[in-house]
Amino acid sequence: MYAVTKGTFIGEFFVFMETLPEHYRILSLPDFKLRKIEKKFIIEAIKRDILDLVKILPKTAYYTCKSEYMHRIATGQKDEPIN
């Protein structure tokens, strides 16, 4: 789980849910928003201290997030792209 420490999404936590060829799909906490982020953005954000690794989630917490992620996909929630 990464904390967003600067910019538009400051205060959110990103939990990585799915890897696509050029993007990651994440669940953004605390609001449970689905986001799609380009891989190159993630690399730059880590280098520039915009994203800070705060914790590797325990399996039970990750599965709770994964369940919420799958529920939101099943109910048609759209990704909010971050470029």
N, C-alpha and C. Protein backbone atom coordinates (compact mmCIF):
# COMPACT_ATOMS: atom_id res chain seq x y z
N MET A 1 0.85 -1.16 0.00
CA MET A 1 0.00 0.00 0.00
C MET A 1 0.90 1.23 0.00
N TYR A 2 0.55 2.15 -0.87
CA TYR A 2 1.31 3.40 -0.98
C TYR A 2 0.47 4.57 -0.50
N ALA A 3 1.08 5.47 0.22
CA ALA A 3 0.44 6.73 0.61
C ALA A 3 0.78 7.78 -0.43
N VAL A 4 -0.21 8.58 -0.78
CA VAL A 4 0.02 9.71 -1.68
C VAL A 4 0.36 10.91 -0.81
N THR A 5 1.56 11.44 -0.98
CA THR A 5 2.06 12.48 -0.08
C THR A 5 2.05 13.88 -0.67
N LYS A 6 1.73 13.99 -1.97
CA LYS A 6 1.70 15.30 -2.62
C LYS A 6 0.68 15.28 -3.74
N GLY A 7 0.25 16.45 -4.17
CA GLY A 7 -0.56 16.56 -5.37
C GLY A 7 -2.06 16.39 -5.16
N THR A 8 -2.74 16.16 -6.25
CA THR A 8 -4.20 16.09 -6.29
C THR A 8 -4.78 15.02 -5.37
N PHE A 9 -4.09 13.92 -5.20
CA PHE A 9 -4.63 12.78 -4.47
C PHE A 9 -4.02 12.63 -3.07
N ILE A 10 -3.42 13.71 -2.57
CA ILE A 10 -2.79 13.67 -1.25
C ILE A 10 -3.78 13.15 -0.20
N GLY A 11 -3.29 12.29 0.65
CA GLY A 11 -4.12 11.72 1.71
C GLY A 11 -4.76 10.40 1.35
N GLU A 12 -4.68 10.00 0.09
CA GLU A 12 -5.24 8.71 -0.31
C GLU A 12 -4.18 7.62 -0.15
N PHE A 13 -4.66 6.40 -0.07
CA PHE A 13 -3.79 5.23 -0.04
C PHE A 13 -4.15 4.37 -1.24
N PHE A 14 -3.14 3.93 -1.97
CA PHE A 14 -3.34 3.14 -3.17
C PHE A 14 -3.00 1.68 -2.89
N VAL A 15 -3.99 0.81 -3.11
CA VAL A 15 -3.78 -0.63 -2.98
C VAL A 15 -3.83 -1.21 -4.39
N PHE A 16 -2.76 -1.82 -4.83
CA PHE A 16 -2.67 -2.35 -6.19
C PHE A 16 -3.46 -3.64 -6.31
N MET A 17 -4.37 -3.67 -7.29
CA MET A 17 -5.29 -4.78 -7.45
C MET A 17 -5.02 -5.62 -8.68
N GLU A 18 -4.61 -4.97 -9.78
CA GLU A 18 -4.49 -5.69 -11.05
C GLU A 18 -3.42 -5.03 -11.91
N THR A 19 -2.65 -5.86 -12.60
CA THR A 19 -1.64 -5.36 -13.51
C THR A 19 -2.10 -5.58 -14.94
N LEU A 20 -2.13 -4.51 -15.71
CA LEU A 20 -2.46 -4.54 -17.13
C LEU A 20 -1.18 -4.25 -17.91
N PRO A 21 -1.18 -4.41 -19.23
CA PRO A 21 0.07 -4.20 -19.98
C PRO A 21 0.73 -2.84 -19.73
N GLU A 22 -0.04 -1.77 -19.69
CA GLU A 22 0.56 -0.44 -19.52
C GLU A 22 0.04 0.30 -18.30
N HIS A 23 -0.83 -0.32 -17.53
CA HIS A 23 -1.47 0.33 -16.39
C HIS A 23 -1.51 -0.60 -15.18
N TYR A 24 -1.75 0.03 -14.04
CA TYR A 24 -2.15 -0.69 -12.84
C TYR A 24 -3.56 -0.26 -12.51
N ARG A 25 -4.37 -1.18 -12.02
CA ARG A 25 -5.67 -0.83 -11.48
C ARG A 25 -5.54 -0.90 -9.97
N ILE A 26 -6.00 0.16 -9.31
CA ILE A 26 -5.87 0.24 -7.87
C ILE A 26 -7.21 0.54 -7.22
N LEU A 27 -7.27 0.24 -5.94
CA LEU A 27 -8.38 0.66 -5.10
C LEU A 27 -7.82 1.77 -4.23
N SER A 28 -8.44 2.92 -4.31
CA SER A 28 -7.99 4.08 -3.55
C SER A 28 -8.77 4.16 -2.24
N LEU A 29 -8.04 4.22 -1.15
CA LEU A 29 -8.66 4.33 0.17
C LEU A 29 -8.50 5.76 0.67
N PRO A 30 -9.38 6.32 1.43
CA PRO A 30 -10.46 5.65 2.15
C PRO A 30 -11.79 5.58 1.41
N ASP A 31 -11.89 6.16 0.21
CA ASP A 31 -13.19 6.27 -0.47
C ASP A 31 -13.52 5.10 -1.39
N PHE A 32 -12.65 4.11 -1.49
CA PHE A 32 -12.88 2.93 -2.32
C PHE A 32 -13.15 3.28 -3.79
N LYS A 33 -12.36 4.20 -4.32
CA LYS A 33 -12.49 4.56 -5.73
C LYS A 33 -11.57 3.67 -6.55
N LEU A 34 -12.04 3.28 -7.73
CA LEU A 34 -11.21 2.54 -8.66
C LEU A 34 -10.42 3.54 -9.48
N ARG A 35 -9.13 3.29 -9.62
CA ARG A 35 -8.29 4.18 -10.41
C ARG A 35 -7.42 3.33 -11.33
N LYS A 36 -7.11 3.88 -12.49
CA LYS A 36 -6.20 3.24 -13.43
C LYS A 36 -5.03 4.19 -13.62
N ILE A 37 -3.83 3.67 -13.37
CA ILE A 37 -2.63 4.52 -13.38
C ILE A 37 -1.61 3.92 -14.33
N GLU A 38 -1.05 4.77 -15.18
CA GLU A 38 0.00 4.31 -16.08
C GLU A 38 1.22 3.88 -15.28
N LYS A 39 1.85 2.80 -15.73
CA LYS A 39 3.04 2.30 -15.03
C LYS A 39 4.14 3.34 -14.95
N LYS A 40 4.33 4.10 -16.03
CA LYS A 40 5.40 5.12 -16.01
C LYS A 40 5.11 6.20 -14.96
N PHE A 41 3.83 6.48 -14.70
CA PHE A 41 3.48 7.45 -13.67
C PHE A 41 3.89 6.94 -12.29
N ILE A 42 3.66 5.67 -12.04
CA ILE A 42 4.01 5.07 -10.74
C ILE A 42 5.51 5.20 -10.49
N ILE A 43 6.31 4.85 -11.49
CA ILE A 43 7.77 4.93 -11.35
C ILE A 43 8.20 6.35 -11.03
N GLU A 44 7.67 7.31 -11.78
CA GLU A 44 8.01 8.72 -11.54
C GLU A 44 7.53 9.19 -10.17
N ALA A 45 6.34 8.78 -9.78
CA ALA A 45 5.78 9.21 -8.50
C ALA A 45 6.60 8.68 -7.33
N ILE A 46 7.12 7.48 -7.46
CA ILE A 46 7.97 6.92 -6.40
C ILE A 46 9.30 7.68 -6.37
N LYS A 47 9.88 7.93 -7.52
CA LYS A 47 11.15 8.67 -7.58
C LYS A 47 11.03 10.08 -7.00
N ARG A 48 9.87 10.71 -7.21
CA ARG A 48 9.66 12.10 -6.78
C ARG A 48 9.00 12.19 -5.40
N ASP A 49 8.95 11.07 -4.69
CA ASP A 49 8.37 11.01 -3.34
C ASP A 49 6.91 11.44 -3.28
N ILE A 50 6.18 11.23 -4.36
CA ILE A 50 4.74 11.46 -4.36
C ILE A 50 4.03 10.25 -3.78
N LEU A 51 4.57 9.07 -4.07
CA LEU A 51 4.07 7.82 -3.49
C LEU A 51 5.11 7.27 -2.53
N ASP A 52 4.63 6.87 -1.37
CA ASP A 52 5.51 6.35 -0.33
C ASP A 52 4.97 4.99 0.13
N LEU A 53 5.78 3.95 -0.02
CA LEU A 53 5.37 2.63 0.45
C LEU A 53 5.25 2.67 1.97
N VAL A 54 4.05 2.43 2.46
CA VAL A 54 3.84 2.49 3.90
C VAL A 54 3.64 1.13 4.53
N LYS A 55 3.11 0.18 3.75
CA LYS A 55 2.85 -1.11 4.35
C LYS A 55 2.53 -2.14 3.28
N ILE A 56 3.03 -3.33 3.51
CA ILE A 56 2.57 -4.47 2.73
C ILE A 56 1.43 -5.05 3.55
N LEU A 57 0.25 -5.04 2.97
CA LEU A 57 -0.94 -5.43 3.71
C LEU A 57 -0.93 -6.91 4.10
N PRO A 58 -1.41 -7.21 5.29
CA PRO A 58 -1.63 -8.61 5.64
C PRO A 58 -2.64 -9.22 4.66
N LYS A 59 -2.56 -10.52 4.46
CA LYS A 59 -3.44 -11.18 3.49
C LYS A 59 -4.91 -10.91 3.75
N THR A 60 -5.32 -10.92 5.01
CA THR A 60 -6.74 -10.70 5.31
C THR A 60 -7.19 -9.30 4.90
N ALA A 61 -6.36 -8.31 5.14
CA ALA A 61 -6.70 -6.93 4.74
C ALA A 61 -6.71 -6.82 3.21
N TYR A 62 -5.74 -7.46 2.56
CA TYR A 62 -5.71 -7.41 1.09
C TYR A 62 -6.95 -8.07 0.51
N TYR A 63 -7.36 -9.22 1.06
CA TYR A 63 -8.54 -9.91 0.54
C TYR A 63 -9.81 -9.08 0.76
N THR A 64 -9.86 -8.33 1.84
CA THR A 64 -10.99 -7.43 2.06
C THR A 64 -11.02 -6.36 0.98
N CYS A 65 -9.86 -5.78 0.67
CA CYS A 65 -9.76 -4.78 -0.40
C CYS A 65 -10.10 -5.40 -1.75
N LYS A 66 -9.62 -6.60 -1.99
CA LYS A 66 -9.88 -7.29 -3.26
C LYS A 66 -11.38 -7.55 -3.42
N SER A 67 -12.04 -7.95 -2.35
CA SER A 67 -13.47 -8.18 -2.39
C SER A 67 -14.22 -6.90 -2.72
N GLU A 68 -13.84 -5.80 -2.12
CA GLU A 68 -14.47 -4.50 -2.40
C GLU A 68 -14.21 -4.09 -3.85
N TYR A 69 -13.00 -4.31 -4.31
CA TYR A 69 -12.63 -4.01 -5.70
C TYR A 69 -13.50 -4.80 -6.67
N MET A 70 -13.64 -6.09 -6.44
CA MET A 70 -14.44 -6.93 -7.32
C MET A 70 -15.92 -6.53 -7.28
N HIS A 71 -16.40 -6.18 -6.10
CA HIS A 71 -17.79 -5.72 -5.97
C HIS A 71 -18.02 -4.46 -6.79
N ARG A 72 -17.10 -3.54 -6.72
CA ARG A 72 -17.26 -2.28 -7.46
C ARG A 72 -17.19 -2.50 -8.97
N ILE A 73 -16.34 -3.41 -9.39
CA ILE A 73 -16.29 -3.74 -10.83
C ILE A 73 -17.61 -4.39 -11.25
N ALA A 74 -18.11 -5.31 -10.44
CA ALA A 74 -19.35 -6.02 -10.76
C ALA A 74 -20.55 -5.08 -10.82
N THR A 75 -20.51 -4.00 -10.04
CA THR A 75 -21.63 -3.05 -10.04
C THR A 75 -21.44 -1.92 -11.04
N GLY A 76 -20.38 -2.02 -11.85
CA GLY A 76 -20.21 -1.08 -12.95
C GLY A 76 -19.48 0.20 -12.64
N GLN A 77 -18.82 0.29 -11.49
CA GLN A 77 -18.05 1.50 -11.22
C GLN A 77 -16.91 1.61 -12.21
N LYS A 78 -16.72 2.76 -12.78
CA LYS A 78 -15.68 3.00 -13.79
C LYS A 78 -14.38 3.43 -13.13
N ASP A 79 -13.27 3.08 -13.77
CA ASP A 79 -11.96 3.57 -13.35
C ASP A 79 -11.88 5.06 -13.53
N GLU A 80 -11.21 5.73 -12.61
CA GLU A 80 -10.86 7.13 -12.79
C GLU A 80 -9.40 7.16 -13.19
N PRO A 81 -9.10 7.45 -14.46
CA PRO A 81 -7.71 7.41 -14.89
C PRO A 81 -6.86 8.52 -14.28
N ILE A 82 -5.63 8.17 -13.97
CA ILE A 82 -4.63 9.13 -13.51
C ILE A 82 -3.50 9.07 -14.52
N ASN A 83 -3.15 10.20 -15.10
CA ASN A 83 -2.06 10.23 -16.10
C ASN A 83 -0.96 11.12 -15.61
